[in-house]
Amino acid sequence: MPGRIVRTKTAERVTDLLGSREGRQHLAQHGWVQGMPVVMAVPTEPVNDVMGLVSMPGRPVLVAMLDPQLDELKFLYVSTPNPALRTVDQEKDSTPIQNLFARAEQDGLVTFRAKYWDASSVTHPIPTLHPANGTRTYAQRFGS
C-alpha cells in the first residue's frame, strides 16, 4: 500500500511516551537523548534481525518491545559494538529478542554479540515508566 504508514501498537506507545515530558525525562535518566533512534521489536523476533536494524545508525539505540504478558512498554539501551569489550559468543539465530530483554532485566548489564558483529556490545534495561494517575497520553491531550 504505497503512501500508507504502518503503525504498530508498540510504535503508538513509544510515540505517546516520547510525546510526554514525563516520558522524555524518564528515558533521559537512563541514557536516551533527543534524536536517538528507537527500533521497534516484536517479542518473538530474532535478536540478530533486530540488531541488524540497530546497526544502521552507527550510534547507541533504544529497542522498544511490548511485553506479551504484561502489555508493558519495555526498552533496552544498546551501545555500539566496541572492540575493547570482552568478546562473547554470538547470539543464536533462534534467540528471540524477548530473551535478551529477560537477561538484561535479570542481570542489569549484559554483554552480547550479534551474529554479524566483530565486537561485543552492552545493553541495559530501562525501568518501565508507570505514569502518575491522571496523566494523559499525548494523543488524549489533543483529542486523537
Protein backbone atom coordinates (compact mmCIF):
# COMPACT_ATOMS: atom_id res chain seq x y z
CA MET A 1 0.00 0.00 0.00
CA PRO A 2 2.05 2.93 -1.23
CA GLY A 3 1.75 6.10 0.80
CA ARG A 4 0.44 4.39 3.92
CA ILE A 5 2.31 4.37 7.20
CA VAL A 6 2.14 1.18 9.20
CA ARG A 7 1.62 1.91 12.89
CA THR A 8 2.07 -0.84 15.40
CA LYS A 9 0.82 -0.77 18.96
CA THR A 10 4.46 -0.55 20.04
CA ALA A 11 5.07 2.49 17.81
CA GLU A 12 1.96 4.19 19.14
CA ARG A 13 3.03 3.62 22.74
CA VAL A 14 6.56 4.90 22.02
CA THR A 15 5.09 8.00 20.37
CA ASP A 16 2.88 8.61 23.41
CA LEU A 17 5.83 8.22 25.77
CA LEU A 18 8.13 10.49 23.77
CA GLY A 19 5.27 12.97 23.45
CA SER A 20 5.15 13.48 27.18
CA ARG A 21 7.60 15.48 29.28
CA GLU A 22 7.45 12.78 31.97
CA GLY A 23 8.32 10.07 29.42
CA ARG A 24 11.25 12.01 27.95
CA GLN A 25 12.62 12.78 31.42
CA HIS A 26 12.34 9.12 32.42
CA LEU A 27 14.17 7.90 29.31
CA ALA A 28 16.82 10.64 29.63
CA GLN A 29 17.64 9.43 33.14
CA HIS A 30 18.65 6.12 31.56
CA GLY A 31 20.73 7.28 28.59
CA TRP A 32 18.22 8.46 25.96
CA VAL A 33 18.97 11.73 24.19
CA GLN A 34 16.84 13.78 21.82
CA GLY A 35 17.03 12.30 18.33
CA MET A 36 18.24 8.87 19.49
CA PRO A 37 16.91 6.14 17.19
CA VAL A 38 14.28 3.76 18.58
CA VAL A 39 13.96 0.33 16.97
CA MET A 40 10.59 -1.38 17.41
CA ALA A 41 10.69 -5.12 18.00
CA VAL A 42 8.19 -7.95 18.29
CA PRO A 43 8.97 -10.23 21.27
CA THR A 44 9.49 -13.30 19.07
CA GLU A 45 11.69 -11.52 16.52
CA PRO A 46 15.24 -12.93 16.39
CA VAL A 47 17.88 -10.88 18.24
CA ASN A 48 20.13 -10.93 15.16
CA ASP A 49 17.37 -9.43 12.98
CA VAL A 50 16.71 -6.65 15.48
CA MET A 51 20.43 -5.93 15.82
CA GLY A 52 20.65 -5.59 12.03
CA LEU A 53 18.36 -2.56 12.40
CA VAL A 54 20.26 -1.38 15.49
CA SER A 55 23.48 -1.37 13.43
CA MET A 56 22.20 1.04 10.80
CA PRO A 57 22.54 4.39 12.65
CA GLY A 58 26.06 3.62 13.92
CA ARG A 59 25.32 5.01 17.38
CA PRO A 60 23.54 3.88 20.55
CA VAL A 61 19.89 2.93 20.08
CA LEU A 62 16.85 2.13 22.18
CA VAL A 63 14.99 -1.08 21.37
CA ALA A 64 11.31 -0.98 22.29
CA MET A 65 9.07 -4.01 22.79
CA LEU A 66 5.65 -4.64 24.29
CA ASP A 67 5.83 -7.33 26.94
CA PRO A 68 3.40 -10.03 25.75
CA GLN A 69 2.24 -10.99 29.26
CA LEU A 70 2.09 -7.61 30.99
CA ASP A 71 1.34 -5.36 27.98
CA GLU A 72 4.06 -3.01 29.30
CA LEU A 73 6.28 -0.98 27.03
CA LYS A 74 9.88 -2.03 27.67
CA PHE A 75 13.15 -0.54 26.46
CA LEU A 76 16.73 -1.68 26.15
CA TYR A 77 19.58 0.77 25.71
CA VAL A 78 22.03 -0.82 23.25
CA SER A 79 25.55 0.55 22.83
CA THR A 80 27.53 0.35 19.63
CA PRO A 81 29.82 -2.69 19.30
CA ASN A 82 33.16 -1.98 20.94
CA PRO A 83 36.38 -3.97 20.43
CA ALA A 84 37.50 -3.02 23.96
CA LEU A 85 34.77 -5.24 25.39
CA ARG A 86 35.30 -8.92 26.14
CA THR A 87 34.34 -10.91 23.04
CA VAL A 88 31.41 -13.21 23.79
CA ASP A 89 29.76 -15.91 21.70
CA GLN A 90 27.39 -14.60 19.09
CA GLU A 91 23.65 -14.86 19.61
CA LYS A 92 21.98 -17.89 18.06
CA ASP A 93 19.66 -17.32 15.11
CA SER A 94 16.83 -18.85 17.13
CA THR A 95 17.18 -16.48 20.13
CA PRO A 96 14.20 -14.12 20.31
CA ILE A 97 14.65 -10.51 21.40
CA GLN A 98 12.46 -11.11 24.44
CA ASN A 99 15.23 -13.39 25.78
CA LEU A 100 17.74 -10.52 25.62
CA PHE A 101 15.23 -8.31 27.45
CA ALA A 102 14.81 -11.01 30.12
CA ARG A 103 18.58 -11.43 30.56
CA ALA A 104 19.04 -7.67 30.88
CA GLU A 105 16.22 -7.39 33.41
CA GLN A 106 17.75 -10.20 35.45
CA ASP A 107 21.43 -9.16 35.23
CA GLY A 108 21.20 -5.39 34.75
CA LEU A 109 24.02 -5.07 32.22
CA VAL A 110 24.52 -7.70 29.54
CA THR A 111 27.45 -8.11 27.17
CA PHE A 112 26.32 -9.75 23.94
CA ARG A 113 27.30 -10.02 20.29
CA ALA A 114 25.03 -10.12 17.26
CA LYS A 115 25.72 -12.63 14.53
CA TYR A 116 27.49 -10.29 12.11
CA TRP A 117 29.30 -8.08 14.64
CA ASP A 118 33.05 -8.43 15.10
CA ALA A 119 32.86 -6.91 18.58
CA SER A 120 30.58 -7.26 21.56
CA SER A 121 28.11 -4.66 22.76
CA VAL A 122 26.42 -3.96 26.07
CA THR A 123 22.79 -3.43 26.84
CA HIS A 124 20.85 -2.45 29.91
CA PRO A 125 17.14 -2.30 30.60
CA ILE A 126 15.32 0.95 31.16
CA PRO A 127 12.85 0.57 34.04
CA THR A 128 9.22 0.62 32.99
CA LEU A 129 7.57 4.00 33.46
CA HIS A 130 4.33 3.92 35.38
CA PRO A 131 2.80 7.39 34.86
CA ALA A 132 1.20 9.17 37.77
CA ASN A 133 -2.56 8.68 37.98
CA GLY A 134 -4.40 11.20 35.90
CA THR A 135 -1.55 11.66 33.43
CA ARG A 136 -3.00 11.70 29.95
CA THR A 137 -1.20 10.43 26.87
CA TYR A 138 -0.08 12.73 24.12
CA ALA A 139 -2.96 11.58 21.93
CA GLN A 140 -5.52 12.10 24.72
CA ARG A 141 -4.33 15.67 25.32
CA PHE A 142 -5.03 16.58 21.71
CA GLY A 143 -8.31 14.69 21.32
CA SER A 144 -6.98 11.98 18.98
